[in-house]
């Protein structure tokens, strides 16, 4: 039973992340105009040579990044 609960919790977390990615503008629109979710891969070229190794490690742990 515990295994199923853990798997369900992970699935719930992934679902929430996908909903946030798809609806970031709706969730944050009153606070931030024109918000969009950005993939870390899309920023890689711009940030190469700017971030330290530790900063890269931190960036790669981010679930969602909004611009």
PDB file of N, CA and C in Angstrom:
ATOM      1  N   UNK A   1       0.817  -1.191   0.000  1.00  0.00           N
ATOM      2  CA  UNK A   1       0.000   0.000   0.000  1.00  0.00           C
ATOM      3  C   UNK A   1       0.864   1.259   0.000  1.00  0.00           C
ATOM      4  N   UNK A   2       1.935   1.267   0.790  1.00  0.00           N
ATOM      5  CA  UNK A   2       2.810   2.437   0.850  1.00  0.00           C
ATOM      6  C   UNK A   2       3.418   2.750  -0.514  1.00  0.00           C
ATOM      7  N   UNK A   3       3.783   1.714  -1.263  1.00  0.00           N
ATOM      8  CA  UNK A   3       4.368   1.904  -2.592  1.00  0.00           C
ATOM      9  C   UNK A   3       3.382   2.616  -3.506  1.00  0.00           C
ATOM     10  N   UNK A   4       2.128   2.240  -3.452  1.00  0.00           N
ATOM     11  CA  UNK A   4       1.115   2.882  -4.283  1.00  0.00           C
ATOM     12  C   UNK A   4       0.908   4.338  -3.874  1.00  0.00           C
ATOM     13  N   UNK A   5       0.953   4.608  -2.582  1.00  0.00           N
ATOM     14  CA  UNK A   5       0.793   5.984  -2.113  1.00  0.00           C
ATOM     15  C   UNK A   5       1.942   6.861  -2.585  1.00  0.00           C
ATOM     16  N   UNK A   6       3.150   6.336  -2.542  1.00  0.00           N
ATOM     17  CA  UNK A   6       4.327   7.090  -2.994  1.00  0.00           C
ATOM     18  C   UNK A   6       4.223   7.364  -4.489  1.00  0.00           C
ATOM     19  N   UNK A   7       3.851   6.354  -5.253  1.00  0.00           N
ATOM     20  CA  UNK A   7       3.723   6.527  -6.702  1.00  0.00           C
ATOM     21  C   UNK A   7       2.620   7.523  -7.048  1.00  0.00           C
ATOM     22  N   UNK A   8       1.522   7.466  -6.316  1.00  0.00           N
ATOM     23  CA  UNK A   8       0.436   8.400  -6.546  1.00  0.00           C
ATOM     24  C   UNK A   8       0.858   9.824  -6.195  1.00  0.00           C
ATOM     25  N   UNK A   9       1.606   9.995  -5.114  1.00  0.00           N
ATOM     26  CA  UNK A   9       2.093  11.322  -4.729  1.00  0.00           C
ATOM     27  C   UNK A   9       3.022  11.891  -5.798  1.00  0.00           C
ATOM     28  N   UNK A  10       3.890  11.060  -6.356  1.00  0.00           N
ATOM     29  CA  UNK A  10       4.775  11.514  -7.435  1.00  0.00           C
ATOM     30  C   UNK A  10       3.974  11.914  -8.663  1.00  0.00           C
ATOM     31  N   UNK A  11       2.969  11.133  -8.981  1.00  0.00           N
ATOM     32  CA  UNK A  11       2.117  11.442 -10.126  1.00  0.00           C
ATOM     33  C   UNK A  11       1.372  12.755  -9.905  1.00  0.00           C
ATOM     34  N   UNK A  12       0.886  12.966  -8.696  1.00  0.00           N
ATOM     35  CA  UNK A  12       0.211  14.229  -8.369  1.00  0.00           C
ATOM     36  C   UNK A  12       1.165  15.411  -8.552  1.00  0.00           C
ATOM     37  N   UNK A  13       2.393  15.252  -8.102  1.00  0.00           N
ATOM     38  CA  UNK A  13       3.384  16.316  -8.243  1.00  0.00           C
ATOM     39  C   UNK A  13       3.674  16.634  -9.691  1.00  0.00           C
ATOM     40  N   UNK A  14       3.825  15.607 -10.494  1.00  0.00           N
ATOM     41  CA  UNK A  14       4.079  15.821 -11.921  1.00  0.00           C
ATOM     42  C   UNK A  14       2.896  16.508 -12.594  1.00  0.00           C
ATOM     43  N   UNK A  15       1.700  16.099 -12.214  1.00  0.00           N
ATOM     44  CA  UNK A  15       0.503  16.709 -12.785  1.00  0.00           C
ATOM     45  C   UNK A  15       0.432  18.189 -12.436  1.00  0.00           C
ATOM     46  N   UNK A  16       0.730  18.530 -11.195  1.00  0.00           N
ATOM     47  CA  UNK A  16       0.727  19.938 -10.792  1.00  0.00           C
ATOM     48  C   UNK A  16       1.762  20.737 -11.561  1.00  0.00           C
ATOM     49  N   UNK A  17       2.941  20.169 -11.776  1.00  0.00           N
ATOM     50  CA  UNK A  17       3.979  20.852 -12.550  1.00  0.00           C
ATOM     51  C   UNK A  17       3.525  21.099 -13.981  1.00  0.00           C
ATOM     52  N   UNK A  18       2.891  20.113 -14.588  1.00  0.00           N
ATOM     53  CA  UNK A  18       2.407  20.278 -15.965  1.00  0.00           C
ATOM     54  C   UNK A  18       1.306  21.330 -16.026  1.00  0.00           C
ATOM     55  N   UNK A  19       0.411  21.340 -15.041  1.00  0.00           N
ATOM     56  CA  UNK A  19      -0.639  22.349 -15.016  1.00  0.00           C
ATOM     57  C   UNK A  19      -0.053  23.742 -14.865  1.00  0.00           C
ATOM     58  N   UNK A  20       0.947  23.882 -13.999  1.00  0.00           N
ATOM     59  CA  UNK A  20       1.566  25.190 -13.825  1.00  0.00           C
ATOM     60  C   UNK A  20       2.229  25.639 -15.121  1.00  0.00           C
ATOM     61  N   UNK A  21       2.947  24.727 -15.771  1.00  0.00           N
ATOM     62  CA  UNK A  21       3.614  25.069 -17.023  1.00  0.00           C
ATOM     63  C   UNK A  21       2.595  25.546 -18.062  1.00  0.00           C
ATOM     64  N   UNK A  22       1.480  24.843 -18.153  1.00  0.00           N
ATOM     65  CA  UNK A  22       0.470  25.180 -19.145  1.00  0.00           C
ATOM     66  C   UNK A  22      -0.323  26.436 -18.797  1.00  0.00           C
ATOM     67  N   UNK A  23      -0.442  26.755 -17.510  1.00  0.00           N
ATOM     68  CA  UNK A  23      -1.297  27.860 -17.082  1.00  0.00           C
ATOM     69  C   UNK A  23      -0.552  28.930 -16.284  1.00  0.00           C
ATOM     70  N   UNK A  24       0.751  29.034 -16.468  1.00  0.00           N
ATOM     71  CA  UNK A  24       1.547  29.997 -15.701  1.00  0.00           C
ATOM     72  C   UNK A  24       1.015  31.413 -15.850  1.00  0.00           C
ATOM     73  N   UNK A  25       0.644  31.794 -17.045  1.00  0.00           N
ATOM     74  CA  UNK A  25       0.135  33.151 -17.274  1.00  0.00           C
ATOM     75  C   UNK A  25      -1.167  33.375 -16.508  1.00  0.00           C
ATOM     76  N   UNK A  26      -2.005  32.351 -16.445  1.00  0.00           N
ATOM     77  CA  UNK A  26      -3.267  32.477 -15.697  1.00  0.00           C
ATOM     78  C   UNK A  26      -3.007  32.593 -14.203  1.00  0.00           C
ATOM     79  N   UNK A  27      -2.077  31.783 -13.698  1.00  0.00           N
ATOM     80  CA  UNK A  27      -1.797  31.785 -12.264  1.00  0.00           C
ATOM     81  C   UNK A  27      -1.096  33.060 -11.817  1.00  0.00           C
ATOM     82  N   UNK A  28      -0.193  33.573 -12.645  1.00  0.00           N
ATOM     83  CA  UNK A  28       0.646  34.703 -12.236  1.00  0.00           C
ATOM     84  C   UNK A  28       0.302  36.011 -12.945  1.00  0.00           C
ATOM     85  N   UNK A  29      -0.695  35.994 -13.809  1.00  0.00           N
ATOM     86  CA  UNK A  29      -1.019  37.143 -14.644  1.00  0.00           C
ATOM     87  C   UNK A  29      -1.310  38.428 -13.896  1.00  0.00           C
ATOM     88  N   UNK A  30      -1.886  38.350 -12.714  1.00  0.00           N
ATOM     89  CA  UNK A  30      -2.161  39.563 -11.943  1.00  0.00           C
ATOM     90  C   UNK A  30      -0.894  40.164 -11.349  1.00  0.00           C
ATOM     91  N   UNK A  31       0.110  39.340 -11.161  1.00  0.00           N
ATOM     92  CA  UNK A  31       1.360  39.789 -10.541  1.00  0.00           C
ATOM     93  C   UNK A  31       2.391  40.169 -11.595  1.00  0.00           C
ATOM     94  N   UNK A  32       2.507  39.344 -12.636  1.00  0.00           N
ATOM     95  CA  UNK A  32       3.526  39.521 -13.669  1.00  0.00           C
ATOM     96  C   UNK A  32       2.864  39.441 -15.034  1.00  0.00           C
ATOM     97  N   UNK A  33       3.048  40.461 -15.841  1.00  0.00           N
ATOM     98  CA  UNK A  33       2.472  40.470 -17.189  1.00  0.00           C
ATOM     99  C   UNK A  33       3.404  39.752 -18.163  1.00  0.00           C
ATOM    100  N   UNK A  34       2.812  39.036 -19.106  1.00  0.00           N
ATOM    101  CA  UNK A  34       3.586  38.392 -20.159  1.00  0.00           C
ATOM    102  C   UNK A  34       4.482  37.262 -19.675  1.00  0.00           C
ATOM    103  N   UNK A  35       4.118  36.622 -18.577  1.00  0.00           N
ATOM    104  CA  UNK A  35       4.942  35.542 -18.046  1.00  0.00           C
ATOM    105  C   UNK A  35       4.871  34.325 -18.960  1.00  0.00           C
ATOM    106  N   UNK A  36       5.990  33.644 -19.090  1.00  0.00           N
ATOM    107  CA  UNK A  36       6.041  32.402 -19.861  1.00  0.00           C
ATOM    108  C   UNK A  36       7.033  31.466 -19.192  1.00  0.00           C
ATOM    109  N   UNK A  37       6.787  30.194 -19.320  1.00  0.00           N
ATOM    110  CA  UNK A  37       7.688  29.180 -18.769  1.00  0.00           C
ATOM    111  C   UNK A  37       8.804  28.950 -19.779  1.00  0.00           C
ATOM    112  N   UNK A  38      10.035  28.904 -19.285  1.00  0.00           N
ATOM    113  CA  UNK A  38      11.218  28.764 -20.131  1.00  0.00           C
ATOM    114  C   UNK A  38      11.952  27.485 -19.736  1.00  0.00           C
ATOM    115  N   UNK A  39      12.389  26.731 -20.714  1.00  0.00           N
ATOM    116  CA  UNK A  39      13.174  25.541 -20.396  1.00  0.00           C
ATOM    117  C   UNK A  39      14.624  25.948 -20.147  1.00  0.00           C
ATOM    118  N   UNK A  40      15.263  25.237 -19.252  1.00  0.00           N
ATOM    119  CA  UNK A  40      16.669  25.516 -18.941  1.00  0.00           C
ATOM    120  C   UNK A  40      17.513  25.328 -20.195  1.00  0.00           C
ATOM    121  N   UNK A  41      17.146  24.359 -21.015  1.00  0.00           N
ATOM    122  CA  UNK A  41      17.877  24.124 -22.262  1.00  0.00           C
ATOM    123  C   UNK A  41      17.863  25.326 -23.182  1.00  0.00           C
ATOM    124  N   UNK A  42      16.757  26.065 -23.179  1.00  0.00           N
ATOM    125  CA  UNK A  42      16.661  27.253 -24.031  1.00  0.00           C
ATOM    126  C   UNK A  42      17.606  28.358 -23.562  1.00  0.00           C
ATOM    127  N   UNK A  43      17.966  28.353 -22.296  1.00  0.00           N
ATOM    128  CA  UNK A  43      18.846  29.381 -21.745  1.00  0.00           C
ATOM    129  C   UNK A  43      20.316  28.971 -21.722  1.00  0.00           C
ATOM    130  N   UNK A  44      20.596  27.728 -22.038  1.00  0.00           N
ATOM    131  CA  UNK A  44      21.949  27.190 -21.892  1.00  0.00           C
ATOM    132  C   UNK A  44      23.003  28.015 -22.621  1.00  0.00           C
ATOM    133  N   UNK A  45      22.730  28.382 -23.870  1.00  0.00           N
ATOM    134  CA  UNK A  45      23.717  29.144 -24.636  1.00  0.00           C
ATOM    135  C   UNK A  45      23.975  30.512 -24.011  1.00  0.00           C
ATOM    136  N   UNK A  46      22.911  31.168 -23.557  1.00  0.00           N
ATOM    137  CA  UNK A  46      23.055  32.497 -22.959  1.00  0.00           C
ATOM    138  C   UNK A  46      23.796  32.461 -21.630  1.00  0.00           C
ATOM    139  N   UNK A  47      23.626  31.377 -20.874  1.00  0.00           N
ATOM    140  CA  UNK A  47      24.197  31.310 -19.531  1.00  0.00           C
ATOM    141  C   UNK A  47      25.553  30.616 -19.471  1.00  0.00           C
ATOM    142  N   UNK A  48      25.958  30.001 -20.574  1.00  0.00           N
ATOM    143  CA  UNK A  48      27.250  29.317 -20.591  1.00  0.00           C
ATOM    144  C   UNK A  48      28.371  30.325 -20.350  1.00  0.00           C
ATOM    145  N   UNK A  49      29.223  30.015 -19.426  1.00  0.00           N
ATOM    146  CA  UNK A  49      30.334  30.899 -19.089  1.00  0.00           C
ATOM    147  C   UNK A  49      29.958  31.981 -18.088  1.00  0.00           C
ATOM    148  N   UNK A  50      28.671  32.111 -17.781  1.00  0.00           N
ATOM    149  CA  UNK A  50      28.207  33.126 -16.836  1.00  0.00           C
ATOM    150  C   UNK A  50      28.004  32.507 -15.457  1.00  0.00           C
ATOM    151  N   UNK A  51      27.477  31.283 -15.430  1.00  0.00           N
ATOM    152  CA  UNK A  51      27.181  30.622 -14.165  1.00  0.00           C
ATOM    153  C   UNK A  51      28.328  29.732 -13.729  1.00  0.00           C
ATOM    154  N   UNK A  52      28.519  29.660 -12.429  1.00  0.00           N
ATOM    155  CA  UNK A  52      29.503  28.733 -11.875  1.00  0.00           C
ATOM    156  C   UNK A  52      28.936  27.317 -11.937  1.00  0.00           C
ATOM    157  N   UNK A  53      29.768  26.334 -11.674  1.00  0.00           N
ATOM    158  CA  UNK A  53      29.311  24.945 -11.679  1.00  0.00           C
ATOM    159  C   UNK A  53      28.221  24.733 -10.627  1.00  0.00           C
ATOM    160  N   UNK A  54      28.393  25.333  -9.471  1.00  0.00           N
ATOM    161  CA  UNK A  54      27.395  25.215  -8.405  1.00  0.00           C
ATOM    162  C   UNK A  54      26.070  25.866  -8.822  1.00  0.00           C
ATOM    163  N   UNK A  55      26.140  27.014  -9.495  1.00  0.00           N
ATOM    164  CA  UNK A  55      24.924  27.680  -9.958  1.00  0.00           C
ATOM    165  C   UNK A  55      24.209  26.846 -11.020  1.00  0.00           C
ATOM    166  N   UNK A  56      24.974  26.194 -11.909  1.00  0.00           N
ATOM    167  CA  UNK A  56      24.377  25.303 -12.905  1.00  0.00           C
ATOM    168  C   UNK A  56      23.649  24.166 -12.215  1.00  0.00           C
ATOM    169  N   UNK A  57      24.300  23.571 -11.205  1.00  0.00           N
ATOM    170  CA  UNK A  57      23.673  22.471 -10.473  1.00  0.00           C
ATOM    171  C   UNK A  57      22.350  22.915  -9.855  1.00  0.00           C
ATOM    172  N   UNK A  58      22.329  24.109  -9.284  1.00  0.00           N
ATOM    173  CA  UNK A  58      21.100  24.638  -8.694  1.00  0.00           C
ATOM    174  C   UNK A  58      20.040  24.874  -9.766  1.00  0.00           C
ATOM    175  N   UNK A  59      20.439  25.428 -10.891  1.00  0.00           N
ATOM    176  CA  UNK A  59      19.509  25.705 -11.979  1.00  0.00           C
ATOM    177  C   UNK A  59      18.877  24.421 -12.504  1.00  0.00           C
ATOM    178  N   UNK A  60      19.661  23.370 -12.604  1.00  0.00           N
ATOM    179  CA  UNK A  60      19.160  22.105 -13.139  1.00  0.00           C
ATOM    180  C   UNK A  60      18.180  21.410 -12.197  1.00  0.00           C
ATOM    181  N   UNK A  61      18.132  21.823 -10.943  1.00  0.00           N
ATOM    182  CA  UNK A  61      17.182  21.243  -9.977  1.00  0.00           C
ATOM    183  C   UNK A  61      15.826  21.958  -9.983  1.00  0.00           C
ATOM    184  N   UNK A  62      15.727  23.034 -10.729  1.00  0.00           N
ATOM    185  CA  UNK A  62      14.491  23.813 -10.775  1.00  0.00           C
ATOM    186  C   UNK A  62      13.413  23.024 -11.524  1.00  0.00           C
ATOM    187  N   UNK A  63      12.210  23.005 -10.976  1.00  0.00           N
ATOM    188  CA  UNK A  63      11.095  22.341 -11.648  1.00  0.00           C
ATOM    189  C   UNK A  63      10.576  23.172 -12.804  1.00  0.00           C
ATOM    190  N   UNK A  64      10.349  24.440 -12.574  1.00  0.00           N
ATOM    191  CA  UNK A  64       9.839  25.339 -13.610  1.00  0.00           C
ATOM    192  C   UNK A  64      10.546  26.689 -13.475  1.00  0.00           C
ATOM    193  N   UNK A  65      10.807  27.310 -14.599  1.00  0.00           N
ATOM    194  CA  UNK A  65      11.446  28.629 -14.638  1.00  0.00           C
ATOM    195  C   UNK A  65      10.565  29.526 -15.487  1.00  0.00           C
ATOM    196  N   UNK A  66      10.160  30.654 -14.912  1.00  0.00           N
ATOM    197  CA  UNK A  66       9.281  31.571 -15.642  1.00  0.00           C
ATOM    198  C   UNK A  66      10.047  32.861 -15.951  1.00  0.00           C
ATOM    199  N   UNK A  67       9.750  33.406 -17.113  1.00  0.00           N
ATOM    200  CA  UNK A  67      10.389  34.625 -17.573  1.00  0.00           C
ATOM    201  C   UNK A  67       9.328  35.686 -17.752  1.00  0.00           C
TER     202      UNK A  67
END
